[in-house]
Amino acid sequence: MWPATGSRTLLVRELMRRKRYAIEDLRRAIDCLPVETRAAMLEGVRSNDIIVGAYTSRDGGVCPMLAAHRNGGRTSLISFAHTWDRFTRAKRARRATEREVRILTANLEASLLSEGLPELEDVVAAHRARLEHSVAEHGKWRGPFRRWDAYERALGIVEAERDRLADEREREPAGV
């Protein structure tokens, strides 16, 4: 039983810790999947209604592993399914919330990006240098985006850089 003094604080702290562990477990389970399966799952999550607590639903929803399988990822990893259901706290079959799908998508993208882009470290270093220059020039950090169009513009720049790096990697000779 929780102590009388500060029991609410302790309870909130314990619940936050459990959520953090669940997200970390989900990321580890994603990282254990083969790259092809992760890419297929990302495509499947974007093109299907995702559910939790079951393999399929009557209204056409599918679990992330089935979505991956339907998109060419022929891996069966039951530990991912258990981790996904634990992360979503599934007690019965239901449609995944928008937040749950966003977290899954973000973790899949991050896992795929970290897999094959050693140039990513160079991009991060360049970004940090630009931030430091901005701080030196303006005296403070600029903070997050406040307008959607500014966010979309920045996202377009990042995606273009990612595509450019991927194209350069494809054009390199196999022996280099």
Protein backbone atom coordinates (compact mmCIF):
# COMPACT_ATOMS: atom_id res chain seq x y z
CA MET A 1 0.00 0.00 0.00
CA TRP A 2 1.17 3.52 -0.73
CA PRO A 3 2.24 5.73 2.18
CA ALA A 4 -0.23 8.46 3.20
CA THR A 5 2.17 11.36 2.58
CA GLY A 6 2.70 12.09 -1.10
CA SER A 7 0.92 8.91 -2.19
CA ARG A 8 -0.53 10.59 -5.25
CA THR A 9 2.93 11.76 -6.32
CA LEU A 10 4.35 8.28 -5.89
CA LEU A 11 1.49 6.75 -7.85
CA VAL A 12 1.92 9.21 -10.73
CA ARG A 13 5.68 8.60 -10.74
CA GLU A 14 5.17 4.82 -10.89
CA LEU A 15 2.65 5.11 -13.74
CA MET A 16 5.02 7.35 -15.73
CA ARG A 17 7.84 4.84 -15.20
CA ARG A 18 5.65 2.00 -16.51
CA LYS A 19 4.76 4.01 -19.64
CA ARG A 20 8.43 4.80 -20.26
CA TYR A 21 9.37 1.14 -19.90
CA ALA A 22 6.57 0.10 -22.27
CA ILE A 23 7.78 2.50 -24.96
CA GLU A 24 11.38 1.35 -24.49
CA ASP A 25 10.26 -2.29 -24.76
CA LEU A 26 8.35 -1.46 -27.96
CA ARG A 27 11.45 0.18 -29.47
CA ARG A 28 13.60 -2.86 -28.58
CA ALA A 29 11.04 -5.20 -30.14
CA ILE A 30 11.01 -3.08 -33.31
CA ASP A 31 14.82 -3.10 -33.46
CA CYS A 32 14.77 -6.93 -33.28
CA LEU A 33 12.71 -7.13 -36.48
CA PRO A 34 14.55 -7.53 -39.80
CA VAL A 35 14.90 -4.29 -41.79
CA GLU A 36 12.59 -5.58 -44.55
CA THR A 37 9.89 -6.36 -41.99
CA ARG A 38 10.22 -2.92 -40.38
CA ALA A 39 9.86 -1.23 -43.78
CA ALA A 40 6.88 -3.43 -44.65
CA MET A 41 5.30 -2.73 -41.26
CA LEU A 42 5.72 1.02 -41.72
CA GLU A 43 4.01 0.80 -45.12
CA GLY A 44 1.30 -1.44 -43.66
CA VAL A 45 0.65 0.86 -40.70
CA ARG A 46 0.25 3.79 -43.08
CA SER A 47 -2.16 1.92 -45.39
CA ASN A 48 -4.31 -0.13 -42.96
CA ASP A 49 -6.51 0.39 -39.94
CA ILE A 50 -4.37 -0.83 -37.04
CA ILE A 51 -5.85 -2.69 -34.09
CA VAL A 52 -4.60 -3.91 -30.72
CA GLY A 53 -5.41 -7.05 -28.79
CA ALA A 54 -6.11 -9.28 -31.80
CA TYR A 55 -4.78 -10.39 -35.19
CA THR A 56 -7.71 -9.02 -37.20
CA SER A 57 -11.07 -7.40 -36.55
CA ARG A 58 -14.43 -7.84 -38.25
CA ASP A 59 -14.33 -4.35 -39.71
CA GLY A 60 -11.01 -4.94 -41.50
CA GLY A 61 -8.50 -3.73 -38.92
CA VAL A 62 -5.22 -5.64 -38.64
CA CYS A 63 -2.39 -5.89 -36.13
CA PRO A 64 0.96 -4.35 -37.14
CA MET A 65 2.55 -7.77 -37.81
CA LEU A 66 -0.24 -8.77 -40.21
CA ALA A 67 0.06 -5.36 -41.88
CA ALA A 68 3.78 -6.04 -42.34
CA HIS A 69 3.07 -9.55 -43.66
CA ARG A 70 0.61 -8.19 -46.23
CA ASN A 71 3.28 -5.75 -47.41
CA GLY A 72 6.01 -8.32 -47.90
CA GLY A 73 7.54 -8.62 -44.43
CA ARG A 74 7.43 -12.38 -44.00
CA THR A 75 8.56 -12.53 -40.38
CA SER A 76 6.64 -13.95 -37.46
CA LEU A 77 7.88 -12.54 -34.19
CA ILE A 78 5.40 -13.19 -31.39
CA SER A 79 7.41 -11.10 -28.93
CA PHE A 80 6.60 -7.98 -30.99
CA ALA A 81 2.87 -8.78 -30.80
CA HIS A 82 3.05 -9.24 -27.03
CA THR A 83 5.04 -6.03 -26.62
CA TRP A 84 2.60 -4.09 -28.82
CA ASP A 85 -0.37 -5.31 -26.78
CA ARG A 86 1.44 -4.57 -23.51
CA PHE A 87 2.32 -1.06 -24.74
CA THR A 88 -1.30 -0.36 -25.71
CA ARG A 89 -2.65 -2.03 -22.55
CA ALA A 90 -5.01 -4.07 -24.70
CA LYS A 91 -7.59 -5.97 -22.70
CA ARG A 92 -9.74 -6.74 -25.74
CA ALA A 93 -9.58 -6.16 -29.47
CA ARG A 94 -10.02 -2.50 -30.38
CA ARG A 95 -8.81 0.03 -32.91
CA ALA A 96 -5.44 1.58 -32.03
CA THR A 97 -5.62 5.21 -31.01
CA GLU A 98 -4.05 7.88 -33.18
CA ARG A 99 -1.39 8.40 -30.50
CA GLU A 100 -0.49 4.70 -30.41
CA VAL A 101 -0.16 4.59 -34.20
CA ARG A 102 1.94 7.78 -34.20
CA ILE A 103 4.31 6.32 -31.60
CA LEU A 104 4.61 3.06 -33.56
CA THR A 105 5.24 4.95 -36.81
CA ALA A 106 7.82 7.25 -35.22
CA ASN A 107 9.69 4.31 -33.69
CA LEU A 108 9.65 2.39 -36.98
CA GLU A 109 10.98 5.44 -38.86
CA ALA A 110 13.67 6.08 -36.25
CA SER A 111 14.72 2.44 -36.30
CA LEU A 112 14.96 2.40 -40.09
CA LEU A 113 16.87 5.68 -40.20
CA SER A 114 19.40 4.50 -37.63
CA GLU A 115 19.92 1.23 -39.49
CA GLY A 116 21.51 2.26 -42.73
CA LEU A 117 22.61 5.86 -42.56
CA PRO A 118 26.07 6.38 -41.10
CA GLU A 119 25.85 9.82 -42.71
CA LEU A 120 23.13 10.63 -40.18
CA GLU A 121 25.82 11.47 -37.63
CA ASP A 122 27.23 14.06 -40.05
CA VAL A 123 23.76 15.57 -40.53
CA VAL A 124 23.22 15.74 -36.75
CA ALA A 125 26.64 17.36 -36.24
CA ALA A 126 25.88 19.95 -38.95
CA HIS A 127 22.48 20.64 -37.37
CA ARG A 128 24.04 21.14 -33.94
CA ALA A 129 26.63 23.50 -35.45
CA ARG A 130 23.82 25.54 -37.06
CA LEU A 131 22.00 25.68 -33.72
CA GLU A 132 25.14 26.86 -31.93
CA HIS A 133 25.67 29.50 -34.63
CA SER A 134 22.04 30.59 -34.24
CA VAL A 135 22.40 30.84 -30.47
CA ALA A 136 25.61 32.87 -30.85
CA GLU A 137 23.99 35.13 -33.43
CA HIS A 138 20.57 35.60 -31.82
CA GLY A 139 21.45 35.10 -28.17
CA LYS A 140 18.89 32.35 -27.57
CA TRP A 141 17.50 29.16 -28.98
CA ARG A 142 14.62 29.70 -31.39
CA GLY A 143 12.35 27.01 -29.96
CA PRO A 144 9.87 24.70 -31.72
CA PHE A 145 7.84 25.62 -34.76
CA ARG A 146 4.85 27.81 -34.14
CA ARG A 147 3.34 27.55 -37.61
CA TRP A 148 2.41 24.45 -39.56
CA ASP A 149 3.80 25.75 -42.86
CA ALA A 150 7.21 26.37 -41.21
CA TYR A 151 7.20 22.81 -39.88
CA GLU A 152 6.27 21.39 -43.32
CA ARG A 153 9.03 23.44 -44.97
CA ALA A 154 11.62 22.14 -42.49
CA LEU A 155 10.34 18.58 -42.87
CA GLY A 156 10.66 18.88 -46.66
CA ILE A 157 14.29 19.98 -46.28
CA VAL A 158 15.06 17.04 -43.99
CA GLU A 159 13.38 14.55 -46.33
CA ALA A 160 15.21 15.97 -49.34
CA GLU A 161 18.53 15.61 -47.50
CA ARG A 162 17.66 12.03 -46.53
CA ASP A 163 16.82 11.20 -50.16
CA ARG A 164 20.03 12.86 -51.36
CA LEU A 165 22.11 10.79 -48.94
CA ALA A 166 20.32 7.60 -49.96
CA ASP A 167 20.96 8.39 -53.65
CA GLU A 168 24.64 9.04 -52.98
CA ARG A 169 24.93 5.74 -51.14
CA GLU A 170 23.30 3.88 -54.05
CA ARG A 171 25.68 5.49 -56.56
CA GLU A 172 28.81 4.51 -54.63
CA PRO A 173 30.72 1.58 -56.09
CA ALA A 174 30.14 -1.70 -54.25
CA GLY A 175 33.81 -2.07 -53.27
CA VAL A 176 34.07 1.31 -51.48
